[in-house]
Amino acid sequence: MNTYKKYCPNVFVAQCEEKHEKGDTIILHTKYGKEVENEIHNFLGQTKDGFYLYSITRLDGLNSQQRAQNKADKLEGYAANAEKRSTAYYEASQEGRDFLVLGEPIKIGHHSERRHRKLIERNWERMGKSVAESDKAKEYERRAEYWAAKANKIDLSMPDSLEYFEEELRKAKEYHQLLKDHPEKRAHSMSLQYANKAVKDLEEKVYTAILLWGDDEEVNFVKKEKQEATKAKATKTTKIQDIIERHNGFFSFNNDQFRAGYDNLKANGILEDDEKVVHVGMGLYIPKTKVESFLKEYKK
């Protein structure tokens, strides 16, 4: 049976028992037992259980934007109904208004006392319900505005997201470069870091969008690029670890770790009795006599 599986935020893909080709139409079953027709796009790999994963679009046109709009419309309807009930309760609370506006006191012991008290209680209760329904209407309207805003949002569940995030990435890179070239344009000390983070986040979204919606050439290119970047990062990490080891460095983030690292160097005859270690950053300590050599190799 073909089912939905969450792939990343906002994106559900098809989890299938059999292989399919791009353009195939399949039926997916929701967790509520509903059957939905979908079109296959890209193959995304296999799960540990052997299921095949594919990016899909619903053939009924119901995407995240349409679902958001449907929710907004429903909530607007709720708000309108609550407002009608509020108005009805308010109008009902005006019962006996001409009499009550006179400010006639309740006549204790008179045959009208019970009727007078009941009238005031009814109107008080109706006014309370009117206010409560009015508050409900405001809350429904607030939620409707939230979902109406989402109705125009593009996310990774849509094929259009590839073009959209590529353009957003282009603009983010331009802004990041602007802040690098013109420090005076930075609003605060973290502006450049935030701009760099925005670029990294959008690069990841573009990568995911290509896997989901790109053509075969684009998918193969970004996969190869990702593998090369991962390999390069692993190589760089290995080189740095080798430099640290050759210079007898150790990491310490508290007094106990420092004492253990320092004593270990002394026990292995690496440090003389009066030799010191120097903190070179990020919790890393290097014997003082090797700091210059370490920094020279590290910078390379």
Protein backbone atom coordinates (compact mmCIF):
# COMPACT_ATOMS: atom_id res chain seq x y z
CA MET A 1 0.00 0.00 0.00
CA ASN A 2 1.26 3.48 -0.89
CA THR A 3 1.24 5.97 1.98
CA TYR A 4 2.43 9.47 2.84
CA LYS A 5 5.71 10.00 4.70
CA LYS A 6 7.12 13.25 6.09
CA TYR A 7 10.35 14.11 4.27
CA CYS A 8 11.17 17.54 5.74
CA PRO A 9 9.17 20.47 7.18
CA ASN A 10 6.02 21.12 5.07
CA VAL A 11 6.84 18.25 2.69
CA PHE A 12 5.17 14.84 2.51
CA VAL A 13 6.35 12.32 -0.07
CA ALA A 14 5.05 8.99 -1.34
CA GLN A 15 6.25 5.84 0.39
CA CYS A 16 5.70 2.96 -2.01
CA GLU A 17 6.23 -0.81 -1.96
CA GLU A 18 7.01 -0.88 -5.71
CA LYS A 19 9.13 1.19 -8.11
CA HIS A 20 7.48 3.88 -10.21
CA GLU A 21 8.53 6.15 -13.05
CA LYS A 22 8.36 9.94 -13.27
CA GLY A 23 4.90 11.00 -14.44
CA ASP A 24 3.13 7.89 -13.10
CA THR A 25 -0.19 8.38 -11.35
CA ILE A 26 -0.58 6.52 -8.05
CA ILE A 27 -3.11 6.31 -5.25
CA LEU A 28 -1.88 7.22 -1.76
CA HIS A 29 -3.74 6.34 1.43
CA THR A 30 -3.92 8.85 4.28
CA LYS A 31 -3.84 7.76 7.93
CA TYR A 32 -7.61 8.33 7.96
CA GLY A 33 -8.16 5.82 5.12
CA LYS A 34 -8.81 8.40 2.40
CA GLU A 35 -7.49 7.68 -1.10
CA VAL A 36 -5.77 10.54 -2.99
CA GLU A 37 -4.51 10.59 -6.59
CA ASN A 38 -0.93 11.87 -6.97
CA GLU A 39 1.61 12.31 -9.75
CA ILE A 40 5.17 10.98 -9.27
CA HIS A 41 8.08 13.40 -9.74
CA ASN A 42 11.58 12.46 -8.47
CA PHE A 43 12.96 9.33 -6.84
CA LEU A 44 14.37 10.24 -3.41
CA GLY A 45 15.90 6.94 -2.31
CA GLN A 46 14.83 3.98 -0.20
CA THR A 47 14.04 3.60 3.48
CA LYS A 48 15.72 1.02 5.74
CA ASP A 49 12.56 -1.08 5.34
CA GLY A 50 12.99 -1.13 1.56
CA PHE A 51 10.20 1.31 0.65
CA TYR A 52 10.71 3.65 -2.32
CA LEU A 53 10.33 7.40 -1.74
CA TYR A 54 9.08 9.82 -4.41
CA SER A 55 8.24 13.52 -4.50
CA ILE A 56 4.62 13.99 -5.53
CA THR A 57 1.93 16.53 -6.35
CA ARG A 58 -1.76 15.97 -5.71
CA LEU A 59 -3.89 15.81 -8.84
CA ASP A 60 -6.82 17.46 -7.07
CA GLY A 61 -4.77 20.67 -6.82
CA LEU A 62 -4.90 20.75 -3.02
CA ASN A 63 -1.49 22.02 -1.92
CA SER A 64 -0.37 23.80 1.25
CA GLN A 65 -1.49 27.17 -0.14
CA GLN A 66 -4.98 25.91 -0.93
CA ARG A 67 -5.26 24.18 2.45
CA ALA A 68 -4.29 27.43 4.16
CA GLN A 69 -6.87 29.34 2.13
CA ASN A 70 -9.54 26.76 3.00
CA LYS A 71 -8.74 27.15 6.69
CA ALA A 72 -8.86 30.94 6.39
CA ASP A 73 -12.26 30.77 4.66
CA LYS A 74 -13.61 28.37 7.29
CA LEU A 75 -12.43 30.58 10.16
CA GLU A 76 -13.88 33.67 8.52
CA GLY A 77 -17.20 31.82 8.40
CA TYR A 78 -16.88 30.97 12.10
CA ALA A 79 -16.13 34.62 12.86
CA ALA A 80 -19.18 35.81 10.93
CA ASN A 81 -21.46 33.32 12.73
CA ALA A 82 -20.06 34.29 16.14
CA GLU A 83 -20.64 37.97 15.33
CA LYS A 84 -24.25 37.19 14.36
CA ARG A 85 -24.82 35.36 17.64
CA SER A 86 -23.24 38.24 19.53
CA THR A 87 -25.59 40.70 17.86
CA ALA A 88 -28.60 38.46 18.54
CA TYR A 89 -27.70 38.17 22.25
CA TYR A 90 -27.19 41.94 22.45
CA GLU A 91 -30.57 42.66 20.90
CA ALA A 92 -32.20 40.11 23.24
CA SER A 93 -30.55 41.85 26.21
CA GLN A 94 -32.60 44.97 25.38
CA GLU A 95 -35.81 43.29 26.59
CA GLY A 96 -37.83 45.71 28.73
CA ARG A 97 -35.41 48.53 27.90
CA ASP A 98 -38.11 51.21 27.99
CA PHE A 99 -39.03 50.12 31.50
CA LEU A 100 -35.50 49.60 32.84
CA VAL A 101 -34.21 52.92 31.48
CA LEU A 102 -36.54 54.69 33.88
CA GLY A 103 -34.44 53.36 36.77
CA GLU A 104 -37.47 52.09 38.62
CA PRO A 105 -36.28 50.38 41.84
CA ILE A 106 -37.26 46.80 42.64
CA LYS A 107 -40.33 46.89 44.87
CA ILE A 108 -39.64 44.44 47.69
CA GLY A 109 -42.68 42.33 48.49
CA HIS A 110 -44.63 43.61 45.50
CA HIS A 111 -46.04 41.10 43.00
CA SER A 112 -43.71 42.65 40.35
CA GLU A 113 -40.52 41.94 42.34
CA ARG A 114 -39.88 38.45 40.93
CA ARG A 115 -40.63 39.54 37.34
CA HIS A 116 -38.37 42.60 37.72
CA ARG A 117 -35.42 40.54 39.06
CA LYS A 118 -35.80 37.85 36.36
CA LEU A 119 -35.77 40.51 33.64
CA ILE A 120 -32.50 41.98 34.93
CA GLU A 121 -30.93 38.50 35.27
CA ARG A 122 -31.95 37.50 31.74
CA ASN A 123 -30.55 40.67 30.23
CA TRP A 124 -27.32 40.37 32.23
CA GLU A 125 -26.84 36.78 31.06
CA ARG A 126 -27.58 37.71 27.45
CA MET A 127 -25.11 40.60 27.53
CA GLY A 128 -22.43 38.26 28.92
CA LYS A 129 -23.05 35.81 26.08
CA SER A 130 -22.92 38.68 23.59
CA VAL A 131 -19.49 39.74 24.85
CA ALA A 132 -18.25 36.12 24.84
CA GLU A 133 -19.37 35.59 21.23
CA SER A 134 -17.78 38.89 20.22
CA ASP A 135 -14.47 37.71 21.74
CA LYS A 136 -14.80 34.43 19.85
CA ALA A 137 -15.34 36.34 16.61
CA LYS A 138 -12.16 38.38 17.19
CA GLU A 139 -10.13 35.22 17.86
CA TYR A 140 -11.49 33.54 14.72
CA GLU A 141 -10.62 36.66 12.71
CA ARG A 142 -7.07 36.64 14.12
CA ARG A 143 -6.58 33.00 13.13
CA ALA A 144 -8.14 33.63 9.71
CA GLU A 145 -5.62 36.42 9.07
CA TYR A 146 -2.79 34.05 10.01
CA TRP A 147 -3.91 31.37 7.55
CA ALA A 148 -4.71 33.92 4.84
CA ALA A 149 -1.08 35.08 5.02
CA LYS A 150 0.08 31.47 4.63
CA ALA A 151 -2.08 31.10 1.53
CA ASN A 152 0.48 33.19 -0.38
CA LYS A 153 3.55 31.46 1.07
CA ILE A 154 5.69 29.24 -1.14
CA ASP A 155 7.29 26.24 0.57
CA LEU A 156 9.24 23.15 -0.48
CA SER A 157 6.07 21.10 -1.04
CA MET A 158 5.50 22.96 -4.35
CA PRO A 159 7.42 22.59 -7.62
CA ASP A 160 7.48 26.41 -7.84
CA SER A 161 9.70 26.46 -4.75
CA LEU A 162 12.82 25.67 -6.80
CA GLU A 163 12.68 28.86 -8.82
CA TYR A 164 11.51 30.86 -5.80
CA PHE A 165 14.33 29.76 -3.45
CA GLU A 166 16.97 30.14 -6.19
CA GLU A 167 15.95 33.78 -6.53
CA GLU A 168 15.88 34.26 -2.75
CA LEU A 169 19.38 32.76 -2.54
CA ARG A 170 20.65 35.14 -5.23
CA LYS A 171 19.32 38.14 -3.29
CA ALA A 172 20.71 36.81 0.01
CA LYS A 173 24.19 36.39 -1.50
CA GLU A 174 24.09 39.93 -2.91
CA TYR A 175 23.11 41.33 0.50
CA HIS A 176 25.83 39.29 2.26
CA GLN A 177 28.45 40.58 -0.19
CA LEU A 178 27.19 44.14 0.31
CA LEU A 179 27.72 43.88 4.07
CA LYS A 180 31.18 42.37 3.55
CA ASP A 181 32.23 45.21 1.23
CA HIS A 182 30.57 48.00 3.22
CA PRO A 183 30.88 47.51 7.02
CA GLU A 184 29.19 50.87 7.59
CA LYS A 185 25.91 49.40 6.26
CA ARG A 186 25.75 46.77 9.03
CA ALA A 187 22.91 47.59 11.44
CA HIS A 188 24.67 45.86 14.36
CA SER A 189 27.70 43.70 15.19
CA MET A 190 25.96 40.45 14.16
CA SER A 191 24.55 41.65 10.81
CA LEU A 192 27.22 39.90 8.73
CA GLN A 193 26.80 36.61 10.65
CA TYR A 194 23.02 36.72 10.24
CA ALA A 195 23.38 37.42 6.52
CA ASN A 196 25.79 34.50 6.16
CA LYS A 197 23.38 32.21 8.03
CA ALA A 198 20.55 33.27 5.70
CA VAL A 199 22.71 32.27 2.72
CA LYS A 200 23.51 28.86 4.26
CA ASP A 201 19.84 28.20 5.07
CA LEU A 202 18.73 29.10 1.55
CA GLU A 203 21.50 26.99 0.00
CA GLU A 204 20.11 24.00 1.92
CA LYS A 205 16.56 24.79 0.76
CA VAL A 206 17.67 25.08 -2.87
CA TYR A 207 19.48 21.74 -2.55
CA THR A 208 16.34 20.08 -1.16
CA ALA A 209 14.13 21.76 -3.80
CA ILE A 210 16.36 20.38 -6.58
CA LEU A 211 16.15 16.86 -5.13
CA LEU A 212 12.36 17.17 -5.01
CA TRP A 213 11.59 19.02 -8.23
CA GLY A 214 14.74 19.40 -10.36
CA ASP A 215 15.45 17.52 -13.57
CA ASP A 216 17.85 14.55 -13.64
CA GLU A 217 20.84 16.68 -14.67
CA GLU A 218 20.32 19.14 -11.82
CA VAL A 219 19.82 16.36 -9.27
CA ASN A 220 22.98 14.52 -10.31
CA PHE A 221 24.99 17.76 -10.27
CA VAL A 222 23.98 18.82 -6.73
CA LYS A 223 24.48 15.29 -5.38
CA LYS A 224 28.01 15.19 -6.78
CA GLU A 225 28.70 18.70 -5.49
CA LYS A 226 27.43 17.72 -2.02
CA GLN A 227 29.62 14.60 -1.95
CA GLU A 228 32.70 16.60 -2.93
CA ALA A 229 31.98 19.23 -0.27
CA THR A 230 31.53 16.55 2.39
CA LYS A 231 34.76 14.85 1.33
CA ALA A 232 36.65 18.16 1.35
CA LYS A 233 35.33 18.99 4.81
CA ALA A 234 36.32 15.56 6.14
CA THR A 235 39.81 15.96 4.64
CA LYS A 236 40.18 19.41 6.19
CA THR A 237 39.03 18.09 9.58
CA THR A 238 41.53 15.22 9.38
CA LYS A 239 44.35 17.61 8.53
CA ILE A 240 43.49 19.88 11.46
CA GLN A 241 43.32 16.91 13.83
CA ASP A 242 46.73 15.79 12.58
CA ILE A 243 48.22 19.27 13.17
CA ILE A 244 46.80 19.37 16.71
CA GLU A 245 48.16 15.89 17.52
CA ARG A 246 51.63 16.68 16.16
CA HIS A 247 51.75 19.81 18.31
CA ASN A 248 50.51 17.92 21.40
CA GLY A 249 47.38 20.03 21.76
CA PHE A 250 44.42 19.20 23.98
CA PHE A 251 40.95 20.63 24.49
CA SER A 252 39.68 21.87 27.85
CA PHE A 253 36.46 23.58 28.87
CA ASN A 254 36.78 23.42 32.66
CA ASN A 255 39.45 23.12 35.35
CA ASP A 256 39.25 19.33 35.61
CA GLN A 257 39.72 18.85 31.85
CA PHE A 258 42.63 21.29 31.85
CA ARG A 259 44.35 19.53 34.75
CA ALA A 260 43.87 16.12 33.10
CA GLY A 261 45.27 17.34 29.76
CA TYR A 262 48.20 19.16 31.33
CA ASP A 263 49.13 16.22 33.59
CA ASN A 264 48.95 13.84 30.62
CA LEU A 265 51.51 15.91 28.69
CA LYS A 266 53.82 15.98 31.71
CA ALA A 267 53.44 12.25 32.32
CA ASN A 268 54.48 11.54 28.73
CA GLY A 269 57.53 13.76 29.01
CA ILE A 270 56.20 16.31 26.52
CA LEU A 271 56.29 19.21 28.98
CA GLU A 272 59.19 20.25 31.18
CA ASP A 273 58.40 21.00 34.83
CA ASP A 274 58.18 24.75 34.31
CA GLU A 275 56.83 24.76 30.73
CA LYS A 276 53.45 26.38 30.12
CA VAL A 277 50.59 25.78 27.69
CA VAL A 278 48.82 28.53 25.73
CA HIS A 279 45.12 28.85 24.92
CA VAL A 280 44.90 29.45 21.15
CA GLY A 281 41.09 29.60 20.94
CA MET A 282 37.99 27.39 21.03
CA GLY A 283 39.19 25.54 24.13
CA LEU A 284 42.43 24.36 22.49
CA TYR A 285 45.71 24.45 24.45
CA ILE A 286 49.17 24.08 22.87
CA PRO A 287 52.59 23.85 24.59
CA LYS A 288 54.11 27.34 24.53
CA THR A 289 57.20 26.25 22.59
CA LYS A 290 55.03 24.87 19.77
CA VAL A 291 52.46 27.67 19.43
CA GLU A 292 54.27 29.51 16.63
CA SER A 293 54.69 26.36 14.55
CA PHE A 294 51.06 25.33 15.17
CA LEU A 295 49.62 28.69 14.10
CA LYS A 296 51.73 28.74 10.95
CA GLU A 297 50.50 25.30 9.84
CA TYR A 298 46.92 25.92 10.95
CA LYS A 299 46.65 29.12 8.89
CA LYS A 300 47.73 27.22 5.77
